Amino acid sequence: MNTSYFAKSSNNFYAVSIAGKTPDWFSGKRYKKLAPHIGFFKKYKEDGDEAFYRIQYQKEVLDELDPREVYEELGEHAVLLCYEKPGKFCHRHLVSEWLSKNLGVTITEL
């Protein structure tokens, strides 16, 4: 499994959007279960509080999911996409950490 962002990897055969709002032009698979909820997402966009975002994303999204089930539904070759470029804080990196910690899988940024 890999992570990337729309501008770079949207044409990848295994691309999967995990964004709350997927670009209209994206024709790949969507996996809304990993999308951030609008409430804490808006707050983060207003104040940039990464610690709050991490806590809320864990509590409201990841804690509600089974990592094994998510991994199996996405498939080992999935490329999880959102908007942020590498090095920028984003939820795909939180998903990567969560899957790695719980399943021992290696997930790399393309």
N, C-alpha and C. Protein backbone atom coordinates (compact mmCIF):
# COMPACT_ATOMS: atom_id res chain seq x y z
N MET A 1 0.84 -1.17 0.00
CA MET A 1 0.00 0.00 0.00
C MET A 1 0.90 1.24 0.00
N ASN A 2 0.38 2.29 -0.64
CA ASN A 2 1.11 3.55 -0.74
C ASN A 2 0.18 4.72 -0.46
N THR A 3 0.78 5.89 -0.28
CA THR A 3 0.02 7.12 -0.18
C THR A 3 0.57 8.10 -1.20
N SER A 4 -0.26 9.05 -1.57
CA SER A 4 0.16 10.09 -2.50
C SER A 4 -0.89 11.19 -2.48
N TYR A 5 -0.84 12.07 -3.48
CA TYR A 5 -1.82 13.15 -3.56
C TYR A 5 -2.37 13.22 -4.98
N PHE A 6 -3.55 13.84 -5.11
CA PHE A 6 -4.26 13.84 -6.38
C PHE A 6 -3.43 14.34 -7.55
N ALA A 7 -2.73 15.44 -7.38
CA ALA A 7 -1.97 16.04 -8.50
C ALA A 7 -0.90 15.11 -9.04
N LYS A 8 -0.40 14.22 -8.21
CA LYS A 8 0.67 13.33 -8.65
C LYS A 8 0.17 11.97 -9.12
N SER A 9 -0.77 11.38 -8.40
CA SER A 9 -1.08 9.96 -8.62
C SER A 9 -2.54 9.65 -8.95
N SER A 10 -3.29 10.63 -9.37
CA SER A 10 -4.71 10.38 -9.63
C SER A 10 -4.95 9.41 -10.79
N ASN A 11 -3.98 9.27 -11.68
CA ASN A 11 -4.13 8.34 -12.80
C ASN A 11 -3.63 6.94 -12.50
N ASN A 12 -3.11 6.73 -11.29
CA ASN A 12 -2.63 5.41 -10.90
C ASN A 12 -3.82 4.44 -10.87
N PHE A 13 -3.64 3.28 -11.43
CA PHE A 13 -4.71 2.27 -11.50
C PHE A 13 -5.28 1.95 -10.11
N TYR A 14 -4.44 2.00 -9.10
CA TYR A 14 -4.84 1.63 -7.74
C TYR A 14 -5.22 2.83 -6.86
N ALA A 15 -5.33 4.01 -7.46
CA ALA A 15 -5.64 5.22 -6.70
C ALA A 15 -7.01 5.14 -6.03
N VAL A 16 -7.04 5.57 -4.77
CA VAL A 16 -8.27 5.58 -3.98
C VAL A 16 -8.35 6.92 -3.25
N SER A 17 -9.41 7.66 -3.49
CA SER A 17 -9.62 8.91 -2.76
C SER A 17 -10.10 8.60 -1.35
N ILE A 18 -9.42 9.21 -0.36
CA ILE A 18 -9.91 9.12 1.03
C ILE A 18 -10.26 10.53 1.52
N ALA A 19 -10.47 11.44 0.59
CA ALA A 19 -10.80 12.82 0.90
C ALA A 19 -12.29 12.97 1.19
N GLY A 20 -12.61 13.99 1.96
CA GLY A 20 -14.01 14.30 2.22
C GLY A 20 -14.70 14.76 0.95
N LYS A 21 -14.02 15.57 0.17
CA LYS A 21 -14.53 16.05 -1.13
C LYS A 21 -13.50 15.67 -2.18
N THR A 22 -13.85 14.70 -2.99
CA THR A 22 -12.98 14.24 -4.07
C THR A 22 -13.13 15.19 -5.26
N PRO A 23 -12.04 15.51 -5.96
CA PRO A 23 -12.16 16.37 -7.14
C PRO A 23 -13.14 15.77 -8.16
N ASP A 24 -13.94 16.61 -8.77
CA ASP A 24 -14.94 16.16 -9.75
C ASP A 24 -14.31 15.37 -10.89
N TRP A 25 -13.10 15.72 -11.25
CA TRP A 25 -12.45 15.07 -12.39
C TRP A 25 -11.85 13.70 -12.05
N PHE A 26 -11.77 13.36 -10.76
CA PHE A 26 -11.18 12.08 -10.37
C PHE A 26 -12.16 10.95 -10.65
N SER A 27 -11.69 9.94 -11.40
CA SER A 27 -12.59 8.84 -11.79
C SER A 27 -12.28 7.53 -11.08
N GLY A 28 -11.35 7.57 -10.13
CA GLY A 28 -10.97 6.35 -9.43
C GLY A 28 -11.92 6.02 -8.28
N LYS A 29 -11.51 5.04 -7.52
CA LYS A 29 -12.29 4.55 -6.39
C LYS A 29 -12.32 5.60 -5.27
N ARG A 30 -13.41 5.61 -4.51
CA ARG A 30 -13.55 6.48 -3.35
C ARG A 30 -13.78 5.61 -2.12
N TYR A 31 -13.16 5.99 -1.02
CA TYR A 31 -13.31 5.24 0.23
C TYR A 31 -13.60 6.26 1.33
N LYS A 32 -14.88 6.60 1.48
CA LYS A 32 -15.33 7.66 2.39
C LYS A 32 -15.13 7.31 3.86
N LYS A 33 -14.99 6.04 4.20
CA LYS A 33 -14.82 5.65 5.60
C LYS A 33 -13.62 6.34 6.24
N LEU A 34 -12.60 6.68 5.46
CA LEU A 34 -11.40 7.31 5.98
C LEU A 34 -11.40 8.83 5.82
N ALA A 35 -12.46 9.39 5.28
CA ALA A 35 -12.53 10.84 5.09
C ALA A 35 -12.69 11.55 6.43
N PRO A 36 -12.03 12.68 6.61
CA PRO A 36 -12.20 13.44 7.84
C PRO A 36 -13.62 14.01 7.92
N HIS A 37 -14.14 14.14 9.13
CA HIS A 37 -15.46 14.72 9.31
C HIS A 37 -15.37 16.23 9.19
N ILE A 38 -16.40 16.82 8.64
CA ILE A 38 -16.38 18.24 8.29
C ILE A 38 -16.15 19.16 9.49
N GLY A 39 -16.68 18.82 10.65
CA GLY A 39 -16.56 19.69 11.82
C GLY A 39 -15.13 19.96 12.23
N PHE A 40 -14.37 18.90 12.49
CA PHE A 40 -12.98 19.12 12.91
C PHE A 40 -12.10 19.53 11.74
N PHE A 41 -12.50 19.17 10.53
CA PHE A 41 -11.74 19.59 9.35
C PHE A 41 -11.82 21.11 9.19
N LYS A 42 -13.02 21.66 9.31
CA LYS A 42 -13.19 23.11 9.20
C LYS A 42 -12.42 23.84 10.29
N LYS A 43 -12.48 23.32 11.50
CA LYS A 43 -11.75 23.95 12.61
C LYS A 43 -10.26 23.96 12.31
N TYR A 44 -9.73 22.86 11.80
CA TYR A 44 -8.31 22.79 11.46
C TYR A 44 -7.96 23.81 10.38
N LYS A 45 -8.81 23.95 9.38
CA LYS A 45 -8.53 24.91 8.30
C LYS A 45 -8.54 26.34 8.84
N GLU A 46 -9.31 26.59 9.89
CA GLU A 46 -9.37 27.93 10.48
C GLU A 46 -8.18 28.22 11.39
N ASP A 47 -7.79 27.24 12.23
CA ASP A 47 -6.77 27.54 13.23
C ASP A 47 -5.47 26.74 13.11
N GLY A 48 -5.43 25.73 12.24
CA GLY A 48 -4.21 24.96 12.02
C GLY A 48 -3.78 24.10 13.20
N ASP A 49 -4.70 23.80 14.11
CA ASP A 49 -4.37 23.02 15.31
C ASP A 49 -4.25 21.53 14.96
N GLU A 50 -3.03 21.11 14.65
CA GLU A 50 -2.79 19.72 14.26
C GLU A 50 -3.07 18.74 15.38
N ALA A 51 -2.75 19.10 16.61
CA ALA A 51 -2.97 18.21 17.75
C ALA A 51 -4.46 17.91 17.91
N PHE A 52 -5.30 18.94 17.83
CA PHE A 52 -6.74 18.76 17.90
C PHE A 52 -7.22 17.85 16.77
N TYR A 53 -6.75 18.13 15.56
CA TYR A 53 -7.14 17.35 14.39
C TYR A 53 -6.79 15.87 14.59
N ARG A 54 -5.57 15.61 15.02
CA ARG A 54 -5.13 14.23 15.26
C ARG A 54 -6.05 13.51 16.25
N ILE A 55 -6.35 14.17 17.35
CA ILE A 55 -7.21 13.58 18.37
C ILE A 55 -8.60 13.30 17.80
N GLN A 56 -9.17 14.28 17.13
CA GLN A 56 -10.53 14.11 16.59
C GLN A 56 -10.57 13.08 15.46
N TYR A 57 -9.56 13.07 14.62
CA TYR A 57 -9.54 12.09 13.53
C TYR A 57 -9.45 10.67 14.10
N GLN A 58 -8.61 10.51 15.10
CA GLN A 58 -8.50 9.20 15.76
C GLN A 58 -9.84 8.79 16.38
N LYS A 59 -10.42 9.70 17.14
CA LYS A 59 -11.65 9.43 17.89
C LYS A 59 -12.87 9.23 16.97
N GLU A 60 -13.04 10.13 16.01
CA GLU A 60 -14.25 10.13 15.18
C GLU A 60 -14.17 9.22 13.96
N VAL A 61 -12.96 8.93 13.51
CA VAL A 61 -12.82 8.12 12.29
C VAL A 61 -12.14 6.79 12.58
N LEU A 62 -10.87 6.82 12.94
CA LEU A 62 -10.10 5.58 13.06
C LEU A 62 -10.61 4.65 14.16
N ASP A 63 -11.00 5.20 15.30
CA ASP A 63 -11.49 4.35 16.39
C ASP A 63 -12.79 3.63 16.04
N GLU A 64 -13.47 4.10 15.01
CA GLU A 64 -14.73 3.50 14.57
C GLU A 64 -14.52 2.39 13.54
N LEU A 65 -13.27 2.19 13.13
CA LEU A 65 -12.96 1.24 12.06
C LEU A 65 -12.05 0.12 12.54
N ASP A 66 -12.13 -1.00 11.85
CA ASP A 66 -11.23 -2.13 12.09
C ASP A 66 -10.10 -2.06 11.06
N PRO A 67 -8.86 -1.91 11.50
CA PRO A 67 -7.76 -1.74 10.53
C PRO A 67 -7.61 -2.90 9.56
N ARG A 68 -7.83 -4.12 10.01
CA ARG A 68 -7.72 -5.29 9.13
C ARG A 68 -8.79 -5.22 8.04
N GLU A 69 -10.00 -4.87 8.42
CA GLU A 69 -11.10 -4.76 7.46
C GLU A 69 -10.82 -3.66 6.44
N VAL A 70 -10.35 -2.52 6.92
CA VAL A 70 -10.02 -1.41 6.02
C VAL A 70 -8.95 -1.84 5.02
N TYR A 71 -7.90 -2.45 5.50
CA TYR A 71 -6.80 -2.89 4.64
C TYR A 71 -7.30 -3.89 3.60
N GLU A 72 -8.13 -4.82 4.02
CA GLU A 72 -8.65 -5.82 3.09
C GLU A 72 -9.59 -5.20 2.06
N GLU A 73 -10.40 -4.23 2.48
CA GLU A 73 -11.31 -3.58 1.53
C GLU A 73 -10.54 -2.74 0.52
N LEU A 74 -9.46 -2.10 0.95
CA LEU A 74 -8.67 -1.27 0.05
C LEU A 74 -7.76 -2.09 -0.85
N GLY A 75 -7.18 -3.14 -0.30
CA GLY A 75 -6.26 -3.98 -1.06
C GLY A 75 -4.82 -3.54 -0.87
N GLU A 76 -3.92 -4.50 -0.94
CA GLU A 76 -2.51 -4.23 -0.65
C GLU A 76 -1.84 -3.27 -1.63
N HIS A 77 -2.43 -3.09 -2.82
CA HIS A 77 -1.82 -2.22 -3.82
C HIS A 77 -2.43 -0.82 -3.86
N ALA A 78 -3.39 -0.56 -3.00
CA ALA A 78 -4.07 0.74 -3.00
C ALA A 78 -3.09 1.89 -2.82
N VAL A 79 -3.39 3.00 -3.49
CA VAL A 79 -2.65 4.25 -3.33
C VAL A 79 -3.65 5.25 -2.75
N LEU A 80 -3.52 5.55 -1.47
CA LEU A 80 -4.46 6.42 -0.78
C LEU A 80 -4.16 7.88 -1.09
N LEU A 81 -5.17 8.59 -1.59
CA LEU A 81 -4.97 9.96 -2.05
C LEU A 81 -5.76 10.98 -1.24
N CYS A 82 -5.13 12.12 -1.01
CA CYS A 82 -5.80 13.33 -0.58
C CYS A 82 -5.09 14.48 -1.28
N TYR A 83 -5.22 15.69 -0.78
CA TYR A 83 -4.74 16.87 -1.52
C TYR A 83 -3.32 17.32 -1.19
N GLU A 84 -2.88 17.11 0.02
CA GLU A 84 -1.62 17.71 0.47
C GLU A 84 -0.38 17.05 -0.15
N LYS A 85 0.59 17.88 -0.46
CA LYS A 85 1.86 17.38 -0.98
C LYS A 85 2.66 16.72 0.15
N PRO A 86 3.62 15.87 -0.20
CA PRO A 86 4.45 15.23 0.84
C PRO A 86 5.09 16.28 1.75
N GLY A 87 5.19 15.93 3.01
CA GLY A 87 5.78 16.84 3.99
C GLY A 87 4.77 17.75 4.66
N LYS A 88 3.58 17.85 4.10
CA LYS A 88 2.52 18.65 4.70
C LYS A 88 1.65 17.75 5.57
N PHE A 89 1.16 18.29 6.67
CA PHE A 89 0.28 17.53 7.56
C PHE A 89 -1.01 17.18 6.81
N CYS A 90 -1.40 15.91 6.92
CA CYS A 90 -2.67 15.48 6.32
C CYS A 90 -3.10 14.14 6.90
N HIS A 91 -4.34 13.81 6.65
CA HIS A 91 -4.89 12.60 7.26
C HIS A 91 -4.39 11.31 6.60
N ARG A 92 -3.90 11.36 5.38
CA ARG A 92 -3.41 10.10 4.78
C ARG A 92 -2.20 9.58 5.54
N HIS A 93 -1.42 10.49 6.13
CA HIS A 93 -0.29 10.07 6.94
C HIS A 93 -0.76 9.48 8.27
N LEU A 94 -1.85 9.98 8.80
CA LEU A 94 -2.43 9.41 10.02
C LEU A 94 -2.95 8.00 9.74
N VAL A 95 -3.56 7.82 8.58
CA VAL A 95 -4.04 6.49 8.18
C VAL A 95 -2.86 5.54 8.02
N SER A 96 -1.81 6.02 7.38
CA SER A 96 -0.62 5.20 7.18
C SER A 96 -0.03 4.75 8.52
N GLU A 97 0.09 5.67 9.46
CA GLU A 97 0.61 5.34 10.79
C GLU A 97 -0.29 4.33 11.49
N TRP A 98 -1.58 4.52 11.40
CA TRP A 98 -2.57 3.65 12.04
C TRP A 98 -2.49 2.23 11.49
N LEU A 99 -2.44 2.10 10.18
CA LEU A 99 -2.35 0.77 9.57
C LEU A 99 -1.02 0.12 9.89
N SER A 100 0.05 0.87 9.81
CA SER A 100 1.38 0.32 10.13
C SER A 100 1.45 -0.17 11.56
N LYS A 101 0.96 0.64 12.49
CA LYS A 101 0.99 0.30 13.91
C LYS A 101 0.14 -0.93 14.22
N ASN A 102 -1.04 -1.00 13.64
CA ASN A 102 -1.98 -2.07 13.96
C ASN A 102 -1.77 -3.35 13.17
N LEU A 103 -1.19 -3.23 11.98
CA LEU A 103 -1.06 -4.42 11.12
C LEU A 103 0.39 -4.77 10.80
N GLY A 104 1.30 -3.87 11.12
CA GLY A 104 2.70 -4.13 10.81
C GLY A 104 3.03 -4.05 9.33
N VAL A 105 2.18 -3.37 8.55
CA VAL A 105 2.42 -3.24 7.12
C VAL A 105 3.28 -2.01 6.85
N THR A 106 4.01 -2.05 5.77
CA THR A 106 4.82 -0.92 5.35
C THR A 106 4.05 -0.14 4.29
N ILE A 107 3.87 1.14 4.55
CA ILE A 107 3.17 2.02 3.62
C ILE A 107 4.12 3.16 3.27
N THR A 108 4.32 3.36 1.98
CA THR A 108 5.26 4.39 1.55
C THR A 108 4.55 5.49 0.77
N GLU A 109 5.13 6.67 0.83
CA GLU A 109 4.64 7.82 0.07
C GLU A 109 5.29 7.78 -1.31
N LEU A 110 4.48 7.83 -2.34
CA LEU A 110 5.01 7.82 -3.72
C LEU A 110 5.60 9.18 -4.08
